[in-house]
N, C-alpha and C. Protein backbone atom coordinates (compact mmCIF):
# COMPACT_ATOMS: atom_id res chain seq x y z
N MET A 1 25.45 -86.32 39.94
CA MET A 1 25.76 -85.94 38.91
C MET A 1 27.71 -85.73 39.61
N THR A 2 27.96 -85.50 38.25
CA THR A 2 29.78 -84.96 38.11
C THR A 2 30.31 -83.93 38.36
N ALA A 3 30.80 -83.95 39.62
CA ALA A 3 30.77 -82.22 39.54
C ALA A 3 31.44 -81.88 37.97
N ALA A 4 32.11 -80.17 37.44
CA ALA A 4 32.49 -80.14 36.75
C ALA A 4 33.82 -80.52 36.50
N PRO A 5 35.17 -80.79 35.78
CA PRO A 5 36.80 -80.69 35.92
C PRO A 5 37.39 -79.90 36.56
N ARG A 6 38.31 -79.72 37.33
CA ARG A 6 38.27 -78.26 37.51
C ARG A 6 40.15 -78.19 36.95
N ILE A 7 40.55 -76.84 37.12
CA ILE A 7 41.97 -76.49 36.33
C ILE A 7 42.40 -75.58 37.70
N PRO A 8 43.65 -76.20 38.34
CA PRO A 8 44.85 -76.30 39.10
C PRO A 8 45.12 -75.00 38.96
N LEU A 9 45.18 -73.90 40.12
CA LEU A 9 45.99 -72.44 40.10
C LEU A 9 47.67 -73.01 40.85
N SER A 10 48.02 -72.26 40.38
CA SER A 10 49.31 -72.10 41.06
C SER A 10 49.30 -71.95 43.41
N SER A 11 48.11 -71.32 43.15
CA SER A 11 48.33 -71.31 44.06
C SER A 11 47.54 -71.59 45.71
N GLY A 12 47.71 -72.91 45.24
CA GLY A 12 47.39 -74.61 45.24
C GLY A 12 45.49 -74.88 45.58
N HIS A 13 45.19 -73.55 44.79
CA HIS A 13 43.45 -74.03 45.00
C HIS A 13 43.21 -73.92 43.03
N SER A 14 41.65 -75.00 43.41
CA SER A 14 41.43 -75.06 41.62
C SER A 14 40.47 -74.00 41.64
N ILE A 15 39.61 -74.35 39.64
CA ILE A 15 38.76 -73.33 39.96
C ILE A 15 37.76 -74.53 38.52
N PRO A 16 36.12 -74.25 38.70
CA PRO A 16 36.22 -75.23 37.72
C PRO A 16 35.42 -75.23 35.89
N GLN A 17 36.65 -75.89 35.29
CA GLN A 17 36.93 -75.70 34.13
C GLN A 17 34.71 -74.66 33.45
N LEU A 18 33.79 -75.29 33.79
CA LEU A 18 32.48 -74.68 33.22
C LEU A 18 32.37 -73.69 34.30
N GLY A 19 31.51 -72.85 34.23
CA GLY A 19 31.41 -71.52 35.34
C GLY A 19 29.72 -71.50 34.25
N LEU A 20 29.17 -70.47 35.24
CA LEU A 20 27.02 -70.51 34.95
C LEU A 20 27.12 -68.63 35.04
N GLY A 21 27.16 -68.24 33.82
CA GLY A 21 26.65 -67.14 33.99
C GLY A 21 25.16 -66.32 34.68
N THR A 22 25.00 -65.92 35.22
CA THR A 22 23.73 -65.41 35.07
C THR A 22 23.17 -63.99 35.10
N TRP A 23 23.24 -63.65 33.72
CA TRP A 23 23.61 -62.20 33.33
C TRP A 23 22.41 -63.34 32.37
N PRO A 24 20.54 -62.41 32.00
CA PRO A 24 19.97 -61.55 32.00
C PRO A 24 19.45 -61.50 33.87
N LEU A 25 18.90 -63.06 34.35
CA LEU A 25 18.48 -63.58 35.29
C LEU A 25 18.48 -62.31 36.33
N ASP A 26 16.79 -61.92 37.14
CA ASP A 26 16.05 -61.82 37.86
C ASP A 26 16.93 -62.22 39.49
N ASN A 27 16.46 -62.15 40.54
CA ASN A 27 16.68 -63.16 41.95
C ASN A 27 15.87 -64.12 41.80
N THR A 28 14.43 -63.90 41.57
CA THR A 28 13.70 -65.44 41.32
C THR A 28 13.97 -66.45 40.04
N GLN A 29 14.64 -65.96 38.81
CA GLN A 29 15.07 -67.42 38.04
C GLN A 29 16.76 -67.51 39.07
N ALA A 30 17.33 -66.21 39.60
CA ALA A 30 18.73 -66.73 39.45
C ALA A 30 19.05 -67.90 40.64
N ALA A 31 17.88 -67.55 41.89
CA ALA A 31 17.51 -68.87 42.27
C ALA A 31 17.25 -70.42 41.93
N GLU A 32 16.15 -70.29 40.75
CA GLU A 32 15.92 -71.85 40.64
C GLU A 32 17.02 -71.88 39.57
N VAL A 33 17.88 -70.99 38.92
CA VAL A 33 19.00 -71.88 37.66
C VAL A 33 19.78 -71.97 38.50
N ILE A 34 19.82 -71.52 39.38
CA ILE A 34 21.77 -71.87 40.87
C ILE A 34 21.50 -73.00 41.12
N ALA A 35 20.80 -73.42 41.72
CA ALA A 35 20.08 -74.46 42.71
C ALA A 35 19.89 -75.95 41.52
N THR A 36 19.34 -75.54 40.24
CA THR A 36 19.33 -77.06 39.34
C THR A 36 21.08 -77.12 39.07
N ALA A 37 21.19 -75.96 38.42
CA ALA A 37 22.80 -76.07 38.14
C ALA A 37 23.67 -77.12 38.28
N LEU A 38 23.62 -76.72 40.21
CA LEU A 38 24.53 -77.06 40.78
C LEU A 38 24.60 -78.44 40.67
N GLU A 39 23.04 -78.90 41.68
CA GLU A 39 22.26 -80.32 41.25
C GLU A 39 23.07 -81.24 40.00
N LEU A 40 22.99 -80.62 39.14
CA LEU A 40 23.47 -81.11 38.18
C LEU A 40 24.99 -81.03 37.42
N GLY A 41 25.98 -80.62 37.91
CA GLY A 41 27.17 -80.76 38.17
C GLY A 41 27.96 -79.43 38.58
N TYR A 42 27.15 -78.20 38.51
CA TYR A 42 27.84 -77.28 37.66
C TYR A 42 28.44 -76.83 39.86
N ARG A 43 30.00 -76.08 39.22
CA ARG A 43 30.77 -76.05 40.64
C ARG A 43 31.02 -74.27 40.56
N HIS A 44 30.81 -73.64 39.30
CA HIS A 44 31.49 -72.27 39.20
C HIS A 44 30.11 -70.70 39.54
N VAL A 45 29.67 -70.87 39.43
CA VAL A 45 28.64 -69.17 39.60
C VAL A 45 29.24 -68.05 39.52
N ASP A 46 28.49 -67.31 38.32
CA ASP A 46 29.13 -65.34 38.07
C ASP A 46 28.87 -64.57 37.98
N THR A 47 28.31 -64.25 38.91
CA THR A 47 27.29 -62.76 38.55
C THR A 47 28.18 -61.58 39.21
N ALA A 48 27.03 -60.30 39.24
CA ALA A 48 28.32 -59.12 39.45
C ALA A 48 27.47 -57.85 40.02
N GLU A 49 27.72 -57.16 41.59
CA GLU A 49 26.74 -56.60 41.22
C GLU A 49 25.85 -55.40 40.69
N ASN A 50 26.26 -55.44 39.08
CA ASN A 50 25.20 -54.41 38.10
C ASN A 50 24.39 -55.56 37.38
N TYR A 51 24.14 -56.73 38.10
CA TYR A 51 22.80 -57.81 37.02
C TYR A 51 22.50 -57.57 38.18
N GLY A 52 22.31 -57.26 39.43
CA GLY A 52 21.35 -56.96 40.06
C GLY A 52 20.61 -58.84 40.78
N ASN A 53 21.10 -59.48 40.66
CA ASN A 53 20.90 -61.15 41.26
C ASN A 53 21.53 -61.76 42.17
N GLU A 54 22.53 -60.62 43.05
CA GLU A 54 23.53 -61.22 43.89
C GLU A 54 22.06 -62.40 44.85
N GLU A 55 21.33 -61.30 45.00
CA GLU A 55 20.18 -61.65 46.75
C GLU A 55 20.12 -63.03 46.07
N GLY A 56 19.30 -63.27 44.73
CA GLY A 56 19.00 -64.65 44.14
C GLY A 56 20.27 -65.78 44.06
N VAL A 57 20.80 -65.21 43.53
CA VAL A 57 22.39 -66.34 43.53
C VAL A 57 22.74 -67.33 44.87
N GLY A 58 22.50 -66.13 46.10
CA GLY A 58 22.81 -66.59 47.15
C GLY A 58 22.06 -67.46 47.38
N GLU A 59 20.21 -67.33 47.58
CA GLU A 59 19.45 -67.81 47.98
C GLU A 59 19.80 -69.34 46.91
N GLY A 60 19.77 -69.85 45.78
CA GLY A 60 20.17 -71.01 44.82
C GLY A 60 21.36 -71.44 45.43
N LEU A 61 22.42 -70.83 45.82
CA LEU A 61 23.16 -71.54 47.13
C LEU A 61 22.64 -72.63 48.10
N ARG A 62 22.42 -71.78 49.27
CA ARG A 62 21.89 -72.18 49.87
C ARG A 62 20.41 -73.82 49.32
N ARG A 63 19.70 -73.21 48.71
CA ARG A 63 18.59 -75.04 48.16
C ARG A 63 19.00 -75.83 47.17
N SER A 64 20.41 -75.22 46.93
CA SER A 64 21.13 -77.01 46.12
C SER A 64 21.63 -77.68 47.58
N GLY A 65 22.28 -77.34 48.24
CA GLY A 65 22.87 -78.20 49.70
C GLY A 65 23.95 -78.79 48.76
N VAL A 66 24.71 -77.68 48.75
CA VAL A 66 25.76 -77.95 47.81
C VAL A 66 27.16 -77.62 49.14
N PRO A 67 27.89 -78.04 49.96
CA PRO A 67 28.67 -77.28 50.29
C PRO A 67 29.33 -76.76 49.90
N ARG A 68 29.12 -74.67 50.83
CA ARG A 68 29.95 -73.60 50.08
C ARG A 68 31.69 -73.50 49.73
N GLU A 69 32.18 -74.92 50.12
CA GLU A 69 33.72 -74.83 49.73
C GLU A 69 34.24 -75.54 48.74
N ASP A 70 32.11 -76.35 48.16
CA ASP A 70 32.24 -76.54 47.03
C ASP A 70 32.25 -76.04 46.05
N VAL A 71 31.43 -75.27 45.61
CA VAL A 71 31.26 -74.29 44.99
C VAL A 71 32.28 -73.26 44.83
N PHE A 72 32.55 -72.40 43.57
CA PHE A 72 33.88 -71.40 42.89
C PHE A 72 32.28 -69.91 42.96
N VAL A 73 33.35 -69.42 43.78
CA VAL A 73 31.82 -68.20 43.79
C VAL A 73 32.75 -66.88 43.34
N THR A 74 31.98 -66.18 41.97
CA THR A 74 33.10 -65.02 41.35
C THR A 74 32.09 -64.15 41.72
N THR A 75 32.14 -63.15 41.67
CA THR A 75 31.45 -61.49 41.34
C THR A 75 31.86 -60.80 40.92
N LYS A 76 31.62 -59.66 40.56
CA LYS A 76 32.13 -58.37 40.32
C LYS A 76 32.08 -56.99 41.05
N PHE A 77 32.37 -56.15 40.78
CA PHE A 77 31.97 -54.58 41.26
C PHE A 77 32.03 -53.80 40.59
N ASN A 78 31.06 -53.01 40.73
CA ASN A 78 31.57 -51.64 40.21
C ASN A 78 32.82 -50.62 39.51
N ARG A 79 33.17 -49.28 38.59
CA ARG A 79 33.98 -48.50 38.23
C ARG A 79 33.91 -47.68 39.81
N GLU A 80 32.38 -47.34 40.28
CA GLU A 80 32.41 -46.18 41.91
C GLU A 80 32.84 -47.12 42.57
N TRP A 81 33.38 -47.82 42.62
CA TRP A 81 34.37 -48.35 43.79
C TRP A 81 35.95 -48.42 43.34
N HIS A 82 35.83 -48.41 42.85
CA HIS A 82 37.53 -48.10 42.29
C HIS A 82 38.52 -47.54 43.13
N SER A 83 38.80 -47.51 44.56
CA SER A 83 40.10 -47.05 45.95
C SER A 83 39.94 -48.37 46.57
N VAL A 84 40.58 -48.03 47.04
CA VAL A 84 40.86 -49.64 48.25
C VAL A 84 39.73 -49.21 49.40
N GLY A 85 39.07 -48.18 49.97
CA GLY A 85 38.45 -48.70 50.96
C GLY A 85 36.83 -49.01 50.19
N GLY A 86 36.51 -48.11 49.12
CA GLY A 86 36.05 -48.29 47.95
C GLY A 86 35.98 -50.06 47.72
N VAL A 87 36.84 -50.51 47.07
CA VAL A 87 36.80 -51.75 46.96
C VAL A 87 36.51 -53.15 48.40
N ARG A 88 36.36 -52.00 49.84
CA ARG A 88 36.52 -53.18 50.69
C ARG A 88 35.13 -52.91 50.50
N GLU A 89 34.45 -52.08 50.56
CA GLU A 89 32.78 -51.41 50.52
C GLU A 89 31.99 -52.71 49.88
N ALA A 90 32.60 -52.57 48.65
CA ALA A 90 31.42 -52.90 47.74
C ALA A 90 31.94 -54.44 47.84
N TRP A 91 33.12 -55.39 48.58
CA TRP A 91 32.98 -56.37 49.11
C TRP A 91 31.86 -56.78 49.53
N GLU A 92 32.01 -56.45 50.54
CA GLU A 92 31.05 -56.63 52.03
C GLU A 92 29.59 -56.07 51.62
N ARG A 93 29.27 -55.52 50.56
CA ARG A 93 28.21 -55.51 50.12
C ARG A 93 27.49 -56.71 49.53
N SER A 94 28.86 -57.19 48.45
CA SER A 94 28.55 -58.36 47.70
C SER A 94 28.39 -59.49 48.38
N VAL A 95 29.30 -60.37 49.73
CA VAL A 95 28.84 -61.13 50.37
C VAL A 95 27.42 -61.02 51.30
N ARG A 96 27.63 -58.95 51.69
CA ARG A 96 25.65 -59.46 52.50
C ARG A 96 24.84 -59.74 51.02
N ARG A 97 25.08 -59.60 50.07
CA ARG A 97 23.93 -59.79 49.64
C ARG A 97 23.97 -61.57 48.51
N LEU A 98 24.59 -61.50 48.77
CA LEU A 98 24.60 -63.32 48.72
C LEU A 98 24.95 -64.31 50.20
N GLY A 99 25.15 -63.56 50.82
CA GLY A 99 24.59 -63.73 52.42
C GLY A 99 26.41 -65.28 52.29
N LEU A 100 26.88 -65.11 52.41
CA LEU A 100 28.24 -65.82 51.68
C LEU A 100 29.36 -65.10 53.12
N ASP A 101 29.87 -65.73 53.84
CA ASP A 101 31.44 -65.37 54.03
C ASP A 101 32.34 -65.18 53.47
N TYR A 102 32.46 -65.64 52.45
CA TYR A 102 33.52 -65.03 51.52
C TYR A 102 33.44 -65.50 50.05
N LEU A 103 34.12 -64.79 49.13
CA LEU A 103 33.49 -64.91 47.17
C LEU A 103 35.31 -65.45 47.36
N ASP A 104 35.30 -66.56 45.85
CA ASP A 104 36.03 -66.93 45.55
C ASP A 104 37.17 -66.16 44.30
N LEU A 105 36.56 -65.72 44.00
CA LEU A 105 36.89 -64.00 42.80
C LEU A 105 36.54 -62.91 43.16
N PHE A 106 37.08 -61.50 43.13
CA PHE A 106 36.41 -60.24 43.45
C PHE A 106 36.75 -59.71 41.81
N LEU A 107 36.09 -58.92 41.00
CA LEU A 107 36.44 -58.81 39.55
C LEU A 107 35.76 -57.53 39.54
N VAL A 108 36.68 -56.08 39.26
CA VAL A 108 36.75 -55.28 38.48
C VAL A 108 35.38 -55.36 36.97
N HIS A 109 34.24 -54.80 37.25
CA HIS A 109 33.27 -54.42 36.00
C HIS A 109 33.65 -53.71 35.02
C-alpha cells in the first residue's frame, strides 16, 4: 500500500496529511484498528490520555511491523498536568503506556 502524502514542516520534518483518530476505541479495538490502518497506508495516529487507549495504540504500532520512524504519533495530556514538571511526567507516562521512546506531537487536551 502507498502511504498517505506528507506535508513538509519548517523544521525539516513532515506530517502525514491523513491521520487516524482513536476515540472512542478501547485498548483491544485500538490495537486491531491501528495495525490494520498502518497496513493500509496510514502513517499518522492520534490518541490521548483521556481516551484510555494508549496501550492499545502502542500494541497496534508494534503489530503492524511498520518502523517507528515511519509513523507520526500524536497524543495529548490533560489539564491536571499544566506545569513544567507536570508536562514532563505526563510525557513520561504517555510514552510508557504507548511503549515508545519518543512522540512526534504532544498536545494540551
